[in-house]
PDB file of all heavy atoms in Angstrom:
ATOM      1  N   LEU A   1       0.825  -1.206  -0.002  1.00  0.00           N
ATOM      2  CA  LEU A   1       0.019   0.001   0.011  1.00  0.00           C
ATOM      3  C   LEU A   1       0.870   1.259  -0.014  1.00  0.00           C
ATOM      4  O   LEU A   1       0.562   2.213  -0.700  1.00  0.00           O
ATOM      5  CB  LEU A   1      -0.967  -0.017   1.204  1.00  0.00           C
ATOM      6  CG  LEU A   1      -2.077  -1.086   1.139  1.00  0.00           C
ATOM      7  CD1 LEU A   1      -2.927  -1.043   2.407  1.00  0.00           C
ATOM      8  CD2 LEU A   1      -2.904  -0.907  -0.103  1.00  0.00           C
ATOM      9  N   ASP A   2       1.960   1.250   0.781  1.00  0.00           N
ATOM     10  CA  ASP A   2       2.895   2.388   0.766  1.00  0.00           C
ATOM     11  C   ASP A   2       3.460   2.584  -0.648  1.00  0.00           C
ATOM     12  O   ASP A   2       3.590   3.714  -1.146  1.00  0.00           O
ATOM     13  CB  ASP A   2       4.036   2.158   1.729  1.00  0.00           C
ATOM     14  CG  ASP A   2       3.657   2.436   3.203  1.00  0.00           C
ATOM     15  OD1 ASP A   2       2.619   3.038   3.449  1.00  0.00           O
ATOM     16  OD2 ASP A   2       4.445   2.023   4.050  1.00  0.00           O
ATOM     17  N   ARG A   3       3.832   1.475  -1.273  1.00  0.00           N
ATOM     18  CA  ARG A   3       4.385   1.519  -2.626  1.00  0.00           C
ATOM     19  C   ARG A   3       3.468   2.155  -3.633  1.00  0.00           C
ATOM     20  O   ARG A   3       3.886   2.848  -4.563  1.00  0.00           O
ATOM     21  CB  ARG A   3       4.755   0.084  -3.050  1.00  0.00           C
ATOM     22  CG  ARG A   3       5.521  -0.041  -4.309  1.00  0.00           C
ATOM     23  CD  ARG A   3       6.047  -1.454  -4.456  1.00  0.00           C
ATOM     24  NE  ARG A   3       5.060  -2.310  -5.111  1.00  0.00           N
ATOM     25  CZ  ARG A   3       5.314  -3.006  -6.219  1.00  0.00           C
ATOM     26  NH1 ARG A   3       6.490  -3.010  -6.730  1.00  0.00           N
ATOM     27  NH2 ARG A   3       4.367  -3.759  -6.720  1.00  0.00           N
ATOM     28  N   MET A   4       2.130   1.967  -3.415  1.00  0.00           N
ATOM     29  CA  MET A   4       1.117   2.509  -4.309  1.00  0.00           C
ATOM     30  C   MET A   4       0.622   3.887  -3.856  1.00  0.00           C
ATOM     31  O   MET A   4      -0.274   4.438  -4.444  1.00  0.00           O
ATOM     32  CB  MET A   4      -0.034   1.576  -4.444  1.00  0.00           C
ATOM     33  CG  MET A   4       0.293   0.310  -5.233  1.00  0.00           C
ATOM     34  SD  MET A   4       0.587   0.684  -6.983  1.00  0.00           S
ATOM     35  CE  MET A   4       2.370   0.489  -7.090  1.00  0.00           C
ATOM     36  N   GLY A   5       1.223   4.429  -2.761  1.00  0.00           N
ATOM     37  CA  GLY A   5       0.866   5.803  -2.353  1.00  0.00           C
ATOM     38  C   GLY A   5      -0.191   5.937  -1.313  1.00  0.00           C
ATOM     39  O   GLY A   5      -0.633   7.043  -0.990  1.00  0.00           O
ATOM     40  N   PHE A   6      -0.590   4.794  -0.707  1.00  0.00           N
ATOM     41  CA  PHE A   6      -1.589   4.852   0.369  1.00  0.00           C
ATOM     42  C   PHE A   6      -0.841   4.818   1.697  1.00  0.00           C
ATOM     43  O   PHE A   6      -0.136   3.862   1.975  1.00  0.00           O
ATOM     44  CB  PHE A   6      -2.523   3.682   0.287  1.00  0.00           C
ATOM     45  CG  PHE A   6      -3.360   3.629  -0.954  1.00  0.00           C
ATOM     46  CD1 PHE A   6      -2.978   2.848  -2.044  1.00  0.00           C
ATOM     47  CD2 PHE A   6      -4.498   4.418  -1.086  1.00  0.00           C
ATOM     48  CE1 PHE A   6      -3.723   2.773  -3.190  1.00  0.00           C
ATOM     49  CE2 PHE A   6      -5.269   4.368  -2.239  1.00  0.00           C
ATOM     50  CZ  PHE A   6      -4.901   3.567  -3.297  1.00  0.00           C
ATOM     51  N   PRO A   7      -1.105   5.760   2.592  1.00  0.00           N
ATOM     52  CA  PRO A   7      -0.460   5.693   3.904  1.00  0.00           C
ATOM     53  C   PRO A   7      -1.091   4.532   4.648  1.00  0.00           C
ATOM     54  O   PRO A   7      -2.296   4.318   4.650  1.00  0.00           O
ATOM     55  CB  PRO A   7      -0.848   7.045   4.546  1.00  0.00           C
ATOM     56  CG  PRO A   7      -2.087   7.491   3.809  1.00  0.00           C
ATOM     57  CD  PRO A   7      -1.987   6.942   2.413  1.00  0.00           C
ATOM     58  N   ALA A   8      -0.208   3.691   5.218  1.00  0.00           N
ATOM     59  CA  ALA A   8      -0.685   2.489   5.912  1.00  0.00           C
ATOM     60  C   ALA A   8       0.126   2.189   7.126  1.00  0.00           C
ATOM     61  O   ALA A   8       1.315   2.455   7.174  1.00  0.00           O
ATOM     62  CB  ALA A   8      -0.625   1.302   4.923  1.00  0.00           C
ATOM     63  N   SER A   9      -0.573   1.677   8.149  1.00  0.00           N
ATOM     64  CA  SER A   9       0.115   1.268   9.426  1.00  0.00           C
ATOM     65  C   SER A   9      -0.423  -0.059   9.863  1.00  0.00           C
ATOM     66  O   SER A   9      -1.624  -0.323   9.745  1.00  0.00           O
ATOM     67  CB  SER A   9      -0.212   2.333  10.532  1.00  0.00           C
ATOM     68  OG  SER A   9       0.185   3.586  10.156  1.00  0.00           O
ATOM     69  N   VAL A  10       0.468  -0.901  10.409  1.00  0.00           N
ATOM     70  CA  VAL A  10       0.076  -2.108  11.039  1.00  0.00           C
ATOM     71  C   VAL A  10      -0.309  -1.753  12.485  1.00  0.00           C
ATOM     72  O   VAL A  10       0.422  -1.049  13.146  1.00  0.00           O
ATOM     73  CB  VAL A  10       1.187  -3.180  11.016  1.00  0.00           C
ATOM     74  CG1 VAL A  10       0.798  -4.402  11.831  1.00  0.00           C
ATOM     75  CG2 VAL A  10       1.567  -3.517   9.599  1.00  0.00           C
ATOM     76  N   VAL A  11      -1.528  -2.199  12.897  1.00  0.00           N
ATOM     77  CA  VAL A  11      -2.023  -1.858  14.219  1.00  0.00           C
ATOM     78  C   VAL A  11      -1.320  -2.797  15.234  1.00  0.00           C
ATOM     79  O   VAL A  11      -1.492  -3.981  15.173  1.00  0.00           O
ATOM     80  CB  VAL A  11      -3.553  -2.044  14.316  1.00  0.00           C
ATOM     81  CG1 VAL A  11      -4.056  -1.761  15.726  1.00  0.00           C
ATOM     82  CG2 VAL A  11      -4.266  -1.150  13.276  1.00  0.00           C
ATOM     83  N   PRO A  12      -0.484  -2.205  16.141  1.00  0.00           N
ATOM     84  CA  PRO A  12       0.215  -3.033  17.091  1.00  0.00           C
ATOM     85  C   PRO A  12      -0.642  -3.373  18.286  1.00  0.00           C
ATOM     86  O   PRO A  12      -1.241  -2.528  18.896  1.00  0.00           O
ATOM     87  CB  PRO A  12       1.376  -2.097  17.517  1.00  0.00           C
ATOM     88  CG  PRO A  12       0.841  -0.747  17.360  1.00  0.00           C
ATOM     89  CD  PRO A  12      -0.182  -0.780  16.215  1.00  0.00           C
ATOM     90  N   GLY A  13      -0.738  -4.632  18.553  1.00  0.00           N
ATOM     91  CA  GLY A  13      -1.417  -5.087  19.760  1.00  0.00           C
ATOM     92  C   GLY A  13      -2.902  -4.727  19.794  1.00  0.00           C
ATOM     93  O   GLY A  13      -3.472  -4.621  20.894  1.00  0.00           O
ATOM     94  N   GLY A  14      -3.507  -4.467  18.701  1.00  0.00           N
ATOM     95  CA  GLY A  14      -4.957  -4.186  18.637  1.00  0.00           C
ATOM     96  C   GLY A  14      -5.343  -2.773  19.076  1.00  0.00           C
ATOM     97  O   GLY A  14      -6.513  -2.514  19.271  1.00  0.00           O
ATOM     98  N   ASP A  15      -4.388  -1.878  19.221  1.00  0.00           N
ATOM     99  CA  ASP A  15      -4.680  -0.488  19.681  1.00  0.00           C
ATOM    100  C   ASP A  15      -4.242   0.481  18.634  1.00  0.00           C
ATOM    101  O   ASP A  15      -3.066   0.753  18.453  1.00  0.00           O
ATOM    102  CB  ASP A  15      -4.013  -0.187  20.985  1.00  0.00           C
ATOM    103  CG  ASP A  15      -4.412   1.140  21.574  1.00  0.00           C
ATOM    104  OD1 ASP A  15      -5.296   1.786  20.988  1.00  0.00           O
ATOM    105  OD2 ASP A  15      -3.881   1.508  22.619  1.00  0.00           O
ATOM    106  N   PRO A  16      -5.228   1.103  17.883  1.00  0.00           N
ATOM    107  CA  PRO A  16      -4.828   2.060  16.849  1.00  0.00           C
ATOM    108  C   PRO A  16      -4.530   3.452  17.338  1.00  0.00           C
ATOM    109  O   PRO A  16      -4.195   4.323  16.555  1.00  0.00           O
ATOM    110  CB  PRO A  16      -6.080   2.062  15.966  1.00  0.00           C
ATOM    111  CG  PRO A  16      -7.193   1.832  16.882  1.00  0.00           C
ATOM    112  CD  PRO A  16      -6.645   0.874  17.915  1.00  0.00           C
ATOM    113  N   LYS A  17      -4.609   3.714  18.630  1.00  0.00           N
ATOM    114  CA  LYS A  17      -4.361   5.061  19.170  1.00  0.00           C
ATOM    115  C   LYS A  17      -2.941   5.472  18.808  1.00  0.00           C
ATOM    116  O   LYS A  17      -1.994   4.707  18.938  1.00  0.00           O
ATOM    117  CB  LYS A  17      -4.566   5.079  20.677  1.00  0.00           C
ATOM    118  CG  LYS A  17      -5.998   5.056  21.055  1.00  0.00           C
ATOM    119  CD  LYS A  17      -6.190   5.248  22.526  1.00  0.00           C
ATOM    120  CE  LYS A  17      -7.665   5.209  22.830  1.00  0.00           C
ATOM    121  NZ  LYS A  17      -7.968   5.419  24.224  1.00  0.00           N
ATOM    122  N   GLY A  18      -2.842   6.697  18.361  1.00  0.00           N
ATOM    123  CA  GLY A  18      -1.534   7.261  18.015  1.00  0.00           C
ATOM    124  C   GLY A  18      -1.067   6.973  16.595  1.00  0.00           C
ATOM    125  O   GLY A  18      -0.054   7.488  16.183  1.00  0.00           O
ATOM    126  N   LEU A  19      -1.830   6.142  15.887  1.00  0.00           N
ATOM    127  CA  LEU A  19      -1.428   5.871  14.506  1.00  0.00           C
ATOM    128  C   LEU A  19      -1.946   6.995  13.586  1.00  0.00           C
ATOM    129  O   LEU A  19      -3.006   7.574  13.864  1.00  0.00           O
ATOM    130  CB  LEU A  19      -2.064   4.544  14.025  1.00  0.00           C
ATOM    131  CG  LEU A  19      -1.470   3.284  14.646  1.00  0.00           C
ATOM    132  CD1 LEU A  19      -2.189   2.070  14.123  1.00  0.00           C
ATOM    133  CD2 LEU A  19       0.029   3.178  14.379  1.00  0.00           C
ATOM    134  N   PRO A  20      -1.219   7.276  12.532  1.00  0.00           N
ATOM    135  CA  PRO A  20      -1.688   8.322  11.622  1.00  0.00           C
ATOM    136  C   PRO A  20      -2.921   7.874  10.832  1.00  0.00           C
ATOM    137  O   PRO A  20      -3.182   6.659  10.745  1.00  0.00           O
ATOM    138  CB  PRO A  20      -0.475   8.530  10.701  1.00  0.00           C
ATOM    139  CG  PRO A  20       0.232   7.238  10.735  1.00  0.00           C
ATOM    140  CD  PRO A  20       0.042   6.667  12.108  1.00  0.00           C
ATOM    141  N   PRO A  21      -3.646   8.824  10.263  1.00  0.00           N
ATOM    142  CA  PRO A  21      -4.779   8.451   9.423  1.00  0.00           C
ATOM    143  C   PRO A  21      -4.291   7.647   8.227  1.00  0.00           C
ATOM    144  O   PRO A  21      -3.098   7.702   7.878  1.00  0.00           O
ATOM    145  CB  PRO A  21      -5.323   9.806   8.943  1.00  0.00           C
ATOM    146  CG  PRO A  21      -4.834  10.804   9.940  1.00  0.00           C
ATOM    147  CD  PRO A  21      -3.497  10.255  10.444  1.00  0.00           C
ATOM    148  N   GLY A  22      -5.164   6.890   7.629  1.00  0.00           N
ATOM    149  CA  GLY A  22      -4.836   6.083   6.472  1.00  0.00           C
ATOM    150  C   GLY A  22      -5.331   4.666   6.667  1.00  0.00           C
ATOM    151  O   GLY A  22      -6.194   4.399   7.482  1.00  0.00           O
ATOM    152  N   ALA A  23      -4.709   3.730   5.945  1.00  0.00           N
ATOM    153  CA  ALA A  23      -5.079   2.326   6.080  1.00  0.00           C
ATOM    154  C   ALA A  23      -4.539   1.767   7.364  1.00  0.00           C
ATOM    155  O   ALA A  23      -3.371   2.007   7.707  1.00  0.00           O
ATOM    156  CB  ALA A  23      -4.529   1.546   4.888  1.00  0.00           C
ATOM    157  N   HIS A  24      -5.423   1.095   8.094  1.00  0.00           N
ATOM    158  CA  HIS A  24      -4.974   0.369   9.299  1.00  0.00           C
ATOM    159  C   HIS A  24      -5.101  -1.098   8.993  1.00  0.00           C
ATOM    160  O   HIS A  24      -6.144  -1.598   8.633  1.00  0.00           O
ATOM    161  CB  HIS A  24      -5.808   0.798  10.496  1.00  0.00           C
ATOM    162  CG  HIS A  24      -5.527   2.152  10.998  1.00  0.00           C
ATOM    163  ND1 HIS A  24      -6.254   2.741  12.010  1.00  0.00           N
ATOM    164  CD2 HIS A  24      -4.603   3.070  10.625  1.00  0.00           C
ATOM    165  CE1 HIS A  24      -5.779   3.964  12.228  1.00  0.00           C
ATOM    166  NE2 HIS A  24      -4.762   4.166  11.403  1.00  0.00           N
ATOM    167  N   ILE A  25      -3.985  -1.790   9.198  1.00  0.00           N
ATOM    168  CA  ILE A  25      -3.887  -3.217   8.905  1.00  0.00           C
ATOM    169  C   ILE A  25      -3.869  -3.939  10.267  1.00  0.00           C
ATOM    170  O   ILE A  25      -2.891  -3.832  11.020  1.00  0.00           O
ATOM    171  CB  ILE A  25      -2.612  -3.525   8.068  1.00  0.00           C
ATOM    172  CG1 ILE A  25      -2.586  -2.655   6.848  1.00  0.00           C
ATOM    173  CG2 ILE A  25      -2.547  -5.014   7.741  1.00  0.00           C
ATOM    174  CD1 ILE A  25      -1.227  -2.451   6.232  1.00  0.00           C
ATOM    175  N   TRP A  26      -4.926  -4.627  10.550  1.00  0.00           N
ATOM    176  CA  TRP A  26      -5.126  -5.291  11.854  1.00  0.00           C
ATOM    177  C   TRP A  26      -4.620  -6.714  11.796  1.00  0.00           C
ATOM    178  O   TRP A  26      -4.935  -7.456  10.903  1.00  0.00           O
ATOM    179  CB  TRP A  26      -6.585  -5.309  12.218  1.00  0.00           C
ATOM    180  CG  TRP A  26      -7.152  -3.951  12.456  1.00  0.00           C
ATOM    181  CD1 TRP A  26      -7.568  -3.077  11.491  1.00  0.00           C
ATOM    182  CD2 TRP A  26      -7.424  -3.302  13.689  1.00  0.00           C
ATOM    183  NE1 TRP A  26      -8.047  -1.920  12.071  1.00  0.00           N
ATOM    184  CE2 TRP A  26      -7.974  -2.067  13.439  1.00  0.00           C
ATOM    185  CE3 TRP A  26      -7.218  -3.713  15.029  1.00  0.00           C
ATOM    186  CZ2 TRP A  26      -8.307  -1.167  14.445  1.00  0.00           C
ATOM    187  CZ3 TRP A  26      -7.568  -2.833  16.030  1.00  0.00           C
ATOM    188  CH2 TRP A  26      -8.126  -1.568  15.742  1.00  0.00           C
TER     189      TRP A  26
END
């Protein structure tokens, strides 16, 4: 997703707090 220009974050430990907007990968 990053390669294609979509901001993405892996959700650590099931808590998305503090992650930037974009795709959240659970």
